[in-house]
Amino acid sequence: MEIERKFLVNLEKNPYNLAEAKVLEIEQAYLCTGPVVRIRRENDDYYLTYKSKGNDKNWMLAHEEYNLPLTKEAYEHLLTKADGNVITKKRYVLPLENKLFIELDVFEGKFAGLVLAEVEFPDVETAESFIMPDWFTEDVTYDRNYHNSVMSMKK
């Protein structure tokens, strides 16, 4: 189960030194957006991911997610089958209190300039009670426009 919230941020108020943070170079594309079937390269690791839509109103907050490893060759083959935009971004992994982490996505390419923060939670109650840091500007968890699968289909 993946339980996460998404936020727009003011990167200028970010209190972290990104040069010292763990960073992942991510490239991802979608084979299907309903249900979501995604392929992703994270540095030199490759995955195929299935995300369920779920049946309740909180599916954008909490849903099943399954990751399967891919070889580089399988990833490159599937990439030719993908629909829409290939999304590229740098992901900075930043520690928060209570063993939580911010995944700060700085988008490149078609979506350059967009910066999103995702925070994953152990349960829905913790997610719903989370108070965003002051450099987060807006909760966009329920705004489909900020979901990568939707962004992949934008013209």
Protein backbone atom coordinates (compact mmCIF):
# COMPACT_ATOMS: atom_id res chain seq x y z
CA MET A 1 0.00 0.00 0.00
CA GLU A 2 1.33 3.43 -0.95
CA ILE A 3 0.01 6.31 1.14
CA GLU A 4 1.32 9.70 0.08
CA ARG A 5 0.47 13.37 -0.14
CA LYS A 6 1.76 15.79 -2.78
CA PHE A 7 2.60 19.46 -2.30
CA LEU A 8 3.74 22.43 -4.33
CA VAL A 9 6.73 24.10 -2.73
CA ASN A 10 8.63 27.35 -2.61
CA LEU A 11 12.09 26.05 -3.41
CA GLU A 12 13.71 29.33 -2.34
CA LYS A 13 12.49 28.73 1.24
CA ASN A 14 13.73 25.12 1.27
CA PRO A 15 15.82 24.71 4.44
CA TYR A 16 17.87 21.78 3.06
CA ASN A 17 21.18 21.87 1.23
CA LEU A 18 20.25 19.88 -1.88
CA ALA A 19 23.91 19.41 -2.80
CA GLU A 20 24.23 17.18 0.29
CA ALA A 21 21.01 15.22 -0.27
CA LYS A 22 20.61 11.79 -1.81
CA VAL A 23 19.52 12.36 -5.42
CA LEU A 24 17.95 10.03 -7.96
CA GLU A 25 17.90 10.71 -11.69
CA ILE A 26 14.45 9.50 -12.75
CA GLU A 27 13.00 8.83 -16.18
CA GLN A 28 9.53 7.34 -16.35
CA ALA A 29 6.88 6.62 -18.93
CA TYR A 30 3.42 5.10 -18.95
CA LEU A 31 2.22 2.04 -20.80
CA CYS A 32 -1.30 2.60 -19.46
CA THR A 33 -2.88 5.27 -17.25
CA GLY A 34 -6.05 3.44 -16.18
CA PRO A 35 -4.95 1.39 -14.31
CA VAL A 36 -1.49 2.90 -14.08
CA VAL A 37 1.28 0.77 -15.55
CA ARG A 38 4.55 2.66 -15.43
CA ILE A 39 8.16 1.95 -16.28
CA ARG A 40 10.88 3.83 -14.46
CA ARG A 41 14.63 4.23 -14.45
CA GLU A 42 16.10 5.41 -11.13
CA ASN A 43 19.81 5.97 -11.74
CA ASP A 44 20.84 2.46 -12.89
CA ASP A 45 17.80 0.56 -11.56
CA TYR A 46 14.75 -0.25 -13.67
CA TYR A 47 11.16 -1.08 -12.63
CA LEU A 48 7.71 -1.80 -13.94
CA THR A 49 5.04 -0.51 -11.55
CA TYR A 50 1.32 -1.25 -11.34
CA LYS A 51 -0.84 1.13 -9.28
CA SER A 52 -4.44 0.24 -8.50
CA LYS A 53 -7.09 2.90 -8.71
CA GLY A 54 -8.88 1.61 -5.64
CA ASN A 55 -12.58 1.89 -4.97
CA ASP A 56 -12.95 4.63 -2.38
CA LYS A 57 -12.68 8.41 -2.34
CA ASN A 58 -9.13 8.26 -0.95
CA TRP A 59 -7.58 6.36 -3.86
CA MET A 60 -5.37 9.37 -4.75
CA LEU A 61 -4.06 9.30 -1.18
CA ALA A 62 -3.79 5.52 -0.69
CA HIS A 63 -3.63 2.75 -3.27
CA GLU A 64 -1.97 -0.57 -3.94
CA GLU A 65 1.38 -0.37 -5.71
CA TYR A 66 3.49 -3.24 -7.00
CA ASN A 67 7.05 -2.85 -8.31
CA LEU A 68 8.78 -5.46 -10.44
CA PRO A 69 12.44 -5.22 -11.39
CA LEU A 70 13.33 -4.89 -15.07
CA THR A 71 16.58 -5.28 -16.95
CA LYS A 72 17.93 -2.26 -18.81
CA GLU A 73 17.11 -4.01 -22.08
CA ALA A 74 13.50 -4.71 -21.06
CA TYR A 75 13.09 -1.10 -19.91
CA GLU A 76 14.44 0.26 -23.20
CA HIS A 77 12.15 -2.07 -25.18
CA LEU A 78 9.08 -1.04 -23.16
CA LEU A 79 10.02 2.63 -23.44
CA THR A 80 9.35 2.41 -27.19
CA LYS A 81 5.80 1.22 -26.37
CA ALA A 82 4.99 4.05 -23.95
CA ASP A 83 2.25 6.59 -24.58
CA GLY A 84 2.60 10.34 -24.17
CA ASN A 85 5.42 12.25 -22.49
CA VAL A 86 8.47 10.68 -20.94
CA ILE A 87 8.86 12.40 -17.58
CA THR A 88 12.33 13.28 -16.32
CA LYS A 89 13.17 14.67 -12.91
CA LYS A 90 15.73 14.79 -10.15
CA ARG A 91 14.42 13.42 -6.86
CA TYR A 92 16.05 14.62 -3.66
CA VAL A 93 15.35 12.47 -0.60
CA LEU A 94 15.15 14.67 2.50
CA PRO A 95 14.58 13.51 6.09
CA LEU A 96 11.64 14.71 8.18
CA GLU A 97 10.77 13.99 11.80
CA ASN A 98 9.04 10.73 12.84
CA LYS A 99 11.01 8.63 10.31
CA LEU A 100 9.27 10.35 7.38
CA PHE A 101 10.98 11.57 4.21
CA ILE A 102 10.28 14.23 1.62
CA GLU A 103 10.80 13.16 -1.96
CA LEU A 104 11.44 16.51 -3.65
CA ASP A 105 10.94 16.20 -7.40
CA VAL A 106 12.54 18.87 -9.59
CA PHE A 107 11.14 18.28 -13.06
CA GLU A 108 13.12 18.66 -16.26
CA GLY A 109 12.25 18.68 -19.95
CA LYS A 110 8.61 19.46 -20.80
CA PHE A 111 7.77 20.13 -17.12
CA ALA A 112 10.90 22.12 -16.22
CA GLY A 113 10.13 24.60 -13.48
CA LEU A 114 7.67 22.35 -11.66
CA VAL A 115 8.77 21.27 -8.19
CA LEU A 116 6.67 18.84 -6.15
CA ALA A 117 7.20 17.35 -2.72
CA GLU A 118 5.77 13.93 -1.89
CA VAL A 119 5.62 12.53 1.62
CA GLU A 120 4.83 8.84 2.16
CA PHE A 121 3.12 7.73 5.36
CA PRO A 122 2.73 4.47 7.29
CA ASP A 123 -1.07 4.87 7.49
CA VAL A 124 -3.95 7.11 6.39
CA GLU A 125 -4.38 8.63 9.85
CA THR A 126 -0.78 9.89 9.90
CA ALA A 127 -1.18 11.23 6.36
CA GLU A 128 -4.37 13.10 7.21
CA SER A 129 -2.91 14.66 10.37
CA PHE A 130 0.35 15.77 8.71
CA ILE A 131 1.02 19.50 8.98
CA MET A 132 3.03 20.68 6.01
CA PRO A 133 6.26 22.65 6.54
CA ASP A 134 6.04 26.37 5.87
CA TRP A 135 7.99 26.10 2.59
CA PHE A 136 5.25 23.86 1.20
CA THR A 137 2.71 26.17 -0.45
CA GLU A 138 -0.26 24.02 -1.46
CA ASP A 139 -1.55 20.48 -0.94
CA VAL A 140 -2.23 19.04 -4.42
CA THR A 141 -2.81 15.43 -3.38
CA TYR A 142 -6.32 15.42 -4.83
CA ASP A 143 -5.51 17.52 -7.90
CA ARG A 144 -5.11 15.06 -10.77
CA ASN A 145 -3.11 17.64 -12.76
CA TYR A 146 -0.11 16.94 -10.54
CA HIS A 147 -0.16 13.16 -10.90
CA ASN A 148 2.62 11.98 -13.17
CA SER A 149 0.30 9.64 -15.07
CA VAL A 150 -1.93 12.60 -16.00
CA MET A 151 1.07 14.78 -16.80
CA SER A 152 2.35 12.10 -19.16
CA MET A 153 -0.74 12.63 -21.32
CA LYS A 154 -0.61 16.46 -21.48
CA LYS A 155 0.01 17.98 -24.91
